[in-house]
Amino acid sequence: MLKDIILVLVLQLVYVPAFTLRTIFLVKGLRMKAALLGLIESLIYIFGLAIVFNGEQNMVVMIVYALGFGIGIIIGSLIEERLAIGYTTIQVVLSHRNKQLVDQLRIEGYGVTVYEGEGKDALRYKLEVLTKRNQEEGLFEMIRDYEPAAFIIAYEPKTFKGGFLLKDMKRRKKKKAQGND
């Protein structure tokens, strides 16, 4: 019985993160990775249920199954957060045009578009920046260094086309890798 409880918990701790990642891969258009995880996920699901429903209906095993599911959700979301798959569009709203920030972002290889707009009491400046999700925190830090009072919003675009961004993102990644050696 203890063996079944531990096995069910371990299976759930693998199954649910696989389920979480499969869903994210599907949303991001990574079909082959999603299919592979779906295969693994379905095998684990079948084995887990077989243990839970094998022979006597043990309430402890069922509770551990549910507990493993909940913990698996947390683990899956932490894994996804670490992987940071995809891109993010950052909108930065400034109370004044910060040329130093814009120039530094461009030096670092970010594509930046600057808009001028009418706020409630004064002109506002909006920067739009596209970056990989795994580089988002570094971008936030840079913005805060130059403009601590900036209002920052992040969105995840599903697709985009054209522009020079991919080439510059690869250049920035290569430059960071060389700096870390």
C-alpha atoms as a PDB file:
ATOM      1  CA  MET A   1       0.000   0.000   0.000  1.00  0.00           C
ATOM      2  CA  LEU A   2       2.797   2.481   0.856  1.00  0.00           C
ATOM      3  CA  LYS A   3       4.426   1.593  -2.458  1.00  0.00           C
ATOM      4  CA  ASP A   4       1.174   2.469  -4.271  1.00  0.00           C
ATOM      5  CA  ILE A   5       0.860   5.782  -2.427  1.00  0.00           C
ATOM      6  CA  ILE A   6       4.424   6.832  -3.287  1.00  0.00           C
ATOM      7  CA  LEU A   7       4.072   5.669  -6.895  1.00  0.00           C
ATOM      8  CA  VAL A   8       0.789   7.540  -7.382  1.00  0.00           C
ATOM      9  CA  LEU A   9       2.316  10.723  -5.940  1.00  0.00           C
ATOM     10  CA  VAL A  10       5.400  10.466  -8.180  1.00  0.00           C
ATOM     11  CA  LEU A  11       3.255   9.762 -11.241  1.00  0.00           C
ATOM     12  CA  GLN A  12       1.109  12.829 -10.539  1.00  0.00           C
ATOM     13  CA  LEU A  13       4.197  14.985  -9.981  1.00  0.00           C
ATOM     14  CA  VAL A  14       5.342  14.041 -13.490  1.00  0.00           C
ATOM     15  CA  TYR A  15       1.926  13.876 -15.168  1.00  0.00           C
ATOM     16  CA  VAL A  16       0.569  17.301 -14.231  1.00  0.00           C
ATOM     17  CA  PRO A  17       3.686  19.312 -15.183  1.00  0.00           C
ATOM     18  CA  ALA A  18       3.739  17.404 -18.497  1.00  0.00           C
ATOM     19  CA  PHE A  19       0.065  18.320 -18.972  1.00  0.00           C
ATOM     20  CA  THR A  20       0.820  21.985 -18.167  1.00  0.00           C
ATOM     21  CA  LEU A  21       3.755  22.145 -20.580  1.00  0.00           C
ATOM     22  CA  ARG A  22       1.835  20.302 -23.310  1.00  0.00           C
ATOM     23  CA  THR A  23      -0.936  22.870 -23.104  1.00  0.00           C
ATOM     24  CA  ILE A  24       1.538  25.753 -23.285  1.00  0.00           C
ATOM     25  CA  PHE A  25       3.378  24.155 -26.214  1.00  0.00           C
ATOM     26  CA  LEU A  26       0.075  23.812 -28.076  1.00  0.00           C
ATOM     27  CA  VAL A  27      -0.826  27.451 -27.454  1.00  0.00           C
ATOM     28  CA  LYS A  28       2.630  28.524 -28.663  1.00  0.00           C
ATOM     29  CA  GLY A  29       2.372  26.382 -31.816  1.00  0.00           C
ATOM     30  CA  LEU A  30       5.042  23.824 -30.801  1.00  0.00           C
ATOM     31  CA  ARG A  31       3.071  20.822 -32.043  1.00  0.00           C
ATOM     32  CA  MET A  32       5.798  18.163 -32.036  1.00  0.00           C
ATOM     33  CA  LYS A  33       6.858  18.919 -28.467  1.00  0.00           C
ATOM     34  CA  ALA A  34       3.203  18.924 -27.432  1.00  0.00           C
ATOM     35  CA  ALA A  35       2.626  15.567 -29.125  1.00  0.00           C
ATOM     36  CA  LEU A  36       5.622  14.000 -27.385  1.00  0.00           C
ATOM     37  CA  LEU A  37       4.488  15.277 -24.001  1.00  0.00           C
ATOM     38  CA  GLY A  38       0.949  14.076 -24.790  1.00  0.00           C
ATOM     39  CA  LEU A  39       2.275  10.565 -25.346  1.00  0.00           C
ATOM     40  CA  ILE A  40       4.170  10.583 -22.044  1.00  0.00           C
ATOM     41  CA  GLU A  41       1.239  12.185 -20.264  1.00  0.00           C
ATOM     42  CA  SER A  42      -1.284   9.591 -21.458  1.00  0.00           C
ATOM     43  CA  LEU A  43       0.923   6.682 -20.409  1.00  0.00           C
ATOM     44  CA  ILE A  44       1.410   8.152 -16.938  1.00  0.00           C
ATOM     45  CA  TYR A  45      -2.323   8.863 -16.656  1.00  0.00           C
ATOM     46  CA  ILE A  46      -3.263   5.286 -17.498  1.00  0.00           C
ATOM     47  CA  PHE A  47      -0.729   3.810 -15.065  1.00  0.00           C
ATOM     48  CA  GLY A  48      -1.786   6.201 -12.302  1.00  0.00           C
ATOM     49  CA  LEU A  49      -5.469   5.451 -12.682  1.00  0.00           C
ATOM     50  CA  ALA A  50      -4.777   1.730 -12.837  1.00  0.00           C
ATOM     51  CA  ILE A  51      -3.092   1.937  -9.457  1.00  0.00           C
ATOM     52  CA  VAL A  52      -5.822   4.092  -7.931  1.00  0.00           C
ATOM     53  CA  PHE A  53      -8.666   1.857  -9.139  1.00  0.00           C
ATOM     54  CA  ASN A  54      -6.888  -1.502  -8.798  1.00  0.00           C
ATOM     55  CA  GLY A  55      -8.566  -3.833  -6.350  1.00  0.00           C
ATOM     56  CA  GLU A  56      -9.879  -2.187  -3.200  1.00  0.00           C
ATOM     57  CA  GLN A  57     -10.853   1.471  -3.435  1.00  0.00           C
ATOM     58  CA  ASN A  58      -8.393   2.920  -0.941  1.00  0.00           C
ATOM     59  CA  MET A  59      -9.322   6.459   0.106  1.00  0.00           C
ATOM     60  CA  VAL A  60      -5.704   7.327   1.029  1.00  0.00           C
ATOM     61  CA  VAL A  61      -4.449   6.501  -2.486  1.00  0.00           C
ATOM     62  CA  MET A  62      -7.234   8.620  -3.994  1.00  0.00           C
ATOM     63  CA  ILE A  63      -6.407  11.571  -1.740  1.00  0.00           C
ATOM     64  CA  VAL A  64      -2.695  11.270  -2.587  1.00  0.00           C
ATOM     65  CA  TYR A  65      -3.678  11.209  -6.275  1.00  0.00           C
ATOM     66  CA  ALA A  66      -5.565  14.503  -5.850  1.00  0.00           C
ATOM     67  CA  LEU A  67      -2.799  15.993  -3.695  1.00  0.00           C
ATOM     68  CA  GLY A  68      -0.217  15.082  -6.323  1.00  0.00           C
ATOM     69  CA  PHE A  69      -2.362  16.786  -8.939  1.00  0.00           C
ATOM     70  CA  GLY A  70      -2.384  20.053  -6.969  1.00  0.00           C
ATOM     71  CA  ILE A  71       1.348  19.967  -6.275  1.00  0.00           C
ATOM     72  CA  GLY A  72       1.966  19.058  -9.920  1.00  0.00           C
ATOM     73  CA  ILE A  73       0.210  22.234 -11.040  1.00  0.00           C
ATOM     74  CA  ILE A  74       2.606  24.290  -8.934  1.00  0.00           C
ATOM     75  CA  ILE A  75       5.624  22.397 -10.287  1.00  0.00           C
ATOM     76  CA  GLY A  76       4.390  22.731 -13.880  1.00  0.00           C
ATOM     77  CA  SER A  77       3.909  26.473 -13.555  1.00  0.00           C
ATOM     78  CA  LEU A  78       7.391  26.873 -12.024  1.00  0.00           C
ATOM     79  CA  ILE A  79       8.947  24.886 -14.887  1.00  0.00           C
ATOM     80  CA  GLU A  80       7.111  27.002 -17.465  1.00  0.00           C
ATOM     81  CA  GLU A  81       8.219  30.175 -15.715  1.00  0.00           C
ATOM     82  CA  ARG A  82      11.841  28.999 -15.856  1.00  0.00           C
ATOM     83  CA  LEU A  83      11.599  28.023 -19.522  1.00  0.00           C
ATOM     84  CA  ALA A  84       9.924  31.362 -20.381  1.00  0.00           C
ATOM     85  CA  ILE A  85       8.934  30.185 -23.845  1.00  0.00           C
ATOM     86  CA  GLY A  86       8.008  32.793 -26.435  1.00  0.00           C
ATOM     87  CA  TYR A  87       8.105  36.552 -26.707  1.00  0.00           C
ATOM     88  CA  THR A  88       6.695  39.468 -24.809  1.00  0.00           C
ATOM     89  CA  THR A  89       5.787  42.993 -25.835  1.00  0.00           C
ATOM     90  CA  ILE A  90       6.613  45.553 -23.199  1.00  0.00           C
ATOM     91  CA  GLN A  91       4.822  48.893 -23.127  1.00  0.00           C
ATOM     92  CA  VAL A  92       6.548  51.556 -21.085  1.00  0.00           C
ATOM     93  CA  VAL A  93       4.702  54.788 -20.287  1.00  0.00           C
ATOM     94  CA  LEU A  94       6.879  57.768 -19.362  1.00  0.00           C
ATOM     95  CA  SER A  95       6.028  61.248 -18.189  1.00  0.00           C
ATOM     96  CA  HIS A  96       8.855  62.702 -20.295  1.00  0.00           C
ATOM     97  CA  ARG A  97      10.811  61.618 -23.346  1.00  0.00           C
ATOM     98  CA  ASN A  98      13.818  59.727 -21.990  1.00  0.00           C
ATOM     99  CA  LYS A  99      16.250  59.699 -24.895  1.00  0.00           C
ATOM    100  CA  GLN A 100      18.948  57.999 -22.814  1.00  0.00           C
ATOM    101  CA  LEU A 101      16.677  55.034 -22.128  1.00  0.00           C
ATOM    102  CA  VAL A 102      15.585  54.762 -25.759  1.00  0.00           C
ATOM    103  CA  ASP A 103      19.177  54.981 -26.991  1.00  0.00           C
ATOM    104  CA  GLN A 104      20.387  52.367 -24.487  1.00  0.00           C
ATOM    105  CA  LEU A 105      17.590  49.979 -25.425  1.00  0.00           C
ATOM    106  CA  ARG A 106      18.558  50.318 -29.086  1.00  0.00           C
ATOM    107  CA  ILE A 107      22.269  49.860 -28.299  1.00  0.00           C
ATOM    108  CA  GLU A 108      21.334  46.630 -26.506  1.00  0.00           C
ATOM    109  CA  GLY A 109      19.567  45.461 -29.680  1.00  0.00           C
ATOM    110  CA  TYR A 110      15.951  45.978 -28.683  1.00  0.00           C
ATOM    111  CA  GLY A 111      13.533  47.314 -31.255  1.00  0.00           C
ATOM    112  CA  VAL A 112      11.890  50.367 -29.729  1.00  0.00           C
ATOM    113  CA  THR A 113       9.021  52.393 -31.109  1.00  0.00           C
ATOM    114  CA  VAL A 114       8.221  55.673 -29.358  1.00  0.00           C
ATOM    115  CA  TYR A 115       4.723  57.161 -29.340  1.00  0.00           C
ATOM    116  CA  GLU A 116       3.607  60.520 -28.032  1.00  0.00           C
ATOM    117  CA  GLY A 117       0.141  60.699 -26.522  1.00  0.00           C
ATOM    118  CA  GLU A 118      -2.167  62.825 -24.457  1.00  0.00           C
ATOM    119  CA  GLY A 119      -2.453  61.863 -20.791  1.00  0.00           C
ATOM    120  CA  LYS A 120      -4.956  63.259 -18.310  1.00  0.00           C
ATOM    121  CA  ASP A 121      -2.800  66.233 -17.318  1.00  0.00           C
ATOM    122  CA  ALA A 122       0.155  66.226 -19.723  1.00  0.00           C
ATOM    123  CA  LEU A 123       1.880  64.579 -22.664  1.00  0.00           C
ATOM    124  CA  ARG A 124       2.986  60.994 -22.142  1.00  0.00           C
ATOM    125  CA  TYR A 125       5.469  58.901 -24.061  1.00  0.00           C
ATOM    126  CA  LYS A 126       4.925  55.226 -24.743  1.00  0.00           C
ATOM    127  CA  LEU A 127       7.709  52.878 -25.718  1.00  0.00           C
ATOM    128  CA  GLU A 128       6.941  49.514 -27.301  1.00  0.00           C
ATOM    129  CA  VAL A 129       9.652  46.891 -27.007  1.00  0.00           C
ATOM    130  CA  LEU A 130       9.580  43.255 -28.165  1.00  0.00           C
ATOM    131  CA  THR A 131      11.809  40.721 -26.414  1.00  0.00           C
ATOM    132  CA  LYS A 132      12.072  37.046 -25.582  1.00  0.00           C
ATOM    133  CA  ARG A 133      10.279  36.142 -22.368  1.00  0.00           C
ATOM    134  CA  ASN A 134      13.465  34.797 -20.827  1.00  0.00           C
ATOM    135  CA  GLN A 135      15.036  38.261 -21.218  1.00  0.00           C
ATOM    136  CA  GLU A 136      12.068  40.162 -19.802  1.00  0.00           C
ATOM    137  CA  GLU A 137      13.422  40.654 -16.269  1.00  0.00           C
ATOM    138  CA  GLY A 138      16.708  42.118 -17.533  1.00  0.00           C
ATOM    139  CA  LEU A 139      14.740  44.533 -19.682  1.00  0.00           C
ATOM    140  CA  PHE A 140      12.599  45.561 -16.687  1.00  0.00           C
ATOM    141  CA  GLU A 141      15.752  46.223 -14.654  1.00  0.00           C
ATOM    142  CA  MET A 142      17.239  48.380 -17.397  1.00  0.00           C
ATOM    143  CA  ILE A 143      14.029  50.407 -17.673  1.00  0.00           C
ATOM    144  CA  ARG A 144      13.877  50.881 -13.884  1.00  0.00           C
ATOM    145  CA  ASP A 145      17.543  51.997 -13.848  1.00  0.00           C
ATOM    146  CA  TYR A 146      16.821  54.767 -16.358  1.00  0.00           C
ATOM    147  CA  GLU A 147      13.235  55.554 -15.383  1.00  0.00           C
ATOM    148  CA  PRO A 148      12.203  54.391 -11.875  1.00  0.00           C
ATOM    149  CA  ALA A 149       8.702  55.915 -12.183  1.00  0.00           C
ATOM    150  CA  ALA A 150       7.907  54.190 -15.500  1.00  0.00           C
ATOM    151  CA  PHE A 151       4.579  52.404 -15.845  1.00  0.00           C
ATOM    152  CA  ILE A 152       5.319  49.024 -17.453  1.00  0.00           C
ATOM    153  CA  ILE A 153       2.867  46.574 -19.023  1.00  0.00           C
ATOM    154  CA  ALA A 154       3.798  43.240 -20.605  1.00  0.00           C
ATOM    155  CA  TYR A 155       1.787  41.356 -23.237  1.00  0.00           C
ATOM    156  CA  GLU A 156       2.479  38.050 -24.953  1.00  0.00           C
ATOM    157  CA  PRO A 157       2.064  38.244 -28.719  1.00  0.00           C
ATOM    158  CA  LYS A 158       1.224  34.916 -30.340  1.00  0.00           C
ATOM    159  CA  THR A 159       2.753  35.740 -33.701  1.00  0.00           C
ATOM    160  CA  PHE A 160       4.589  38.535 -35.400  1.00  0.00           C
ATOM    161  CA  LYS A 161       6.145  39.012 -38.804  1.00  0.00           C
ATOM    162  CA  GLY A 162       8.825  41.205 -40.331  1.00  0.00           C
ATOM    163  CA  GLY A 163      11.188  43.725 -38.844  1.00  0.00           C
ATOM    164  CA  PHE A 164      14.784  43.397 -37.756  1.00  0.00           C
ATOM    165  CA  LEU A 165      14.106  42.043 -34.298  1.00  0.00           C
ATOM    166  CA  LEU A 166      15.021  38.379 -34.665  1.00  0.00           C
ATOM    167  CA  LYS A 167      18.499  39.165 -35.981  1.00  0.00           C
ATOM    168  CA  ASP A 168      19.141  41.641 -33.151  1.00  0.00           C
ATOM    169  CA  MET A 169      17.780  39.256 -30.515  1.00  0.00           C
ATOM    170  CA  LYS A 170      20.239  36.585 -31.725  1.00  0.00           C
ATOM    171  CA  ARG A 171      23.063  39.136 -31.661  1.00  0.00           C
ATOM    172  CA  ARG A 172      22.149  40.162 -28.103  1.00  0.00           C
ATOM    173  CA  LYS A 173      22.056  36.505 -26.989  1.00  0.00           C
ATOM    174  CA  LYS A 174      25.466  35.865 -28.534  1.00  0.00           C
ATOM    175  CA  LYS A 175      26.922  39.007 -26.926  1.00  0.00           C
ATOM    176  CA  LYS A 176      25.615  37.940 -23.483  1.00  0.00           C
ATOM    177  CA  ALA A 177      27.041  34.430 -23.914  1.00  0.00           C
ATOM    178  CA  GLN A 178      30.457  35.895 -24.772  1.00  0.00           C
ATOM    179  CA  GLY A 179      30.281  38.193 -21.746  1.00  0.00           C
ATOM    180  CA  ASN A 180      29.552  35.229 -19.439  1.00  0.00           C
ATOM    181  CA  ASP A 181      32.582  33.197 -20.512  1.00  0.00           C
END
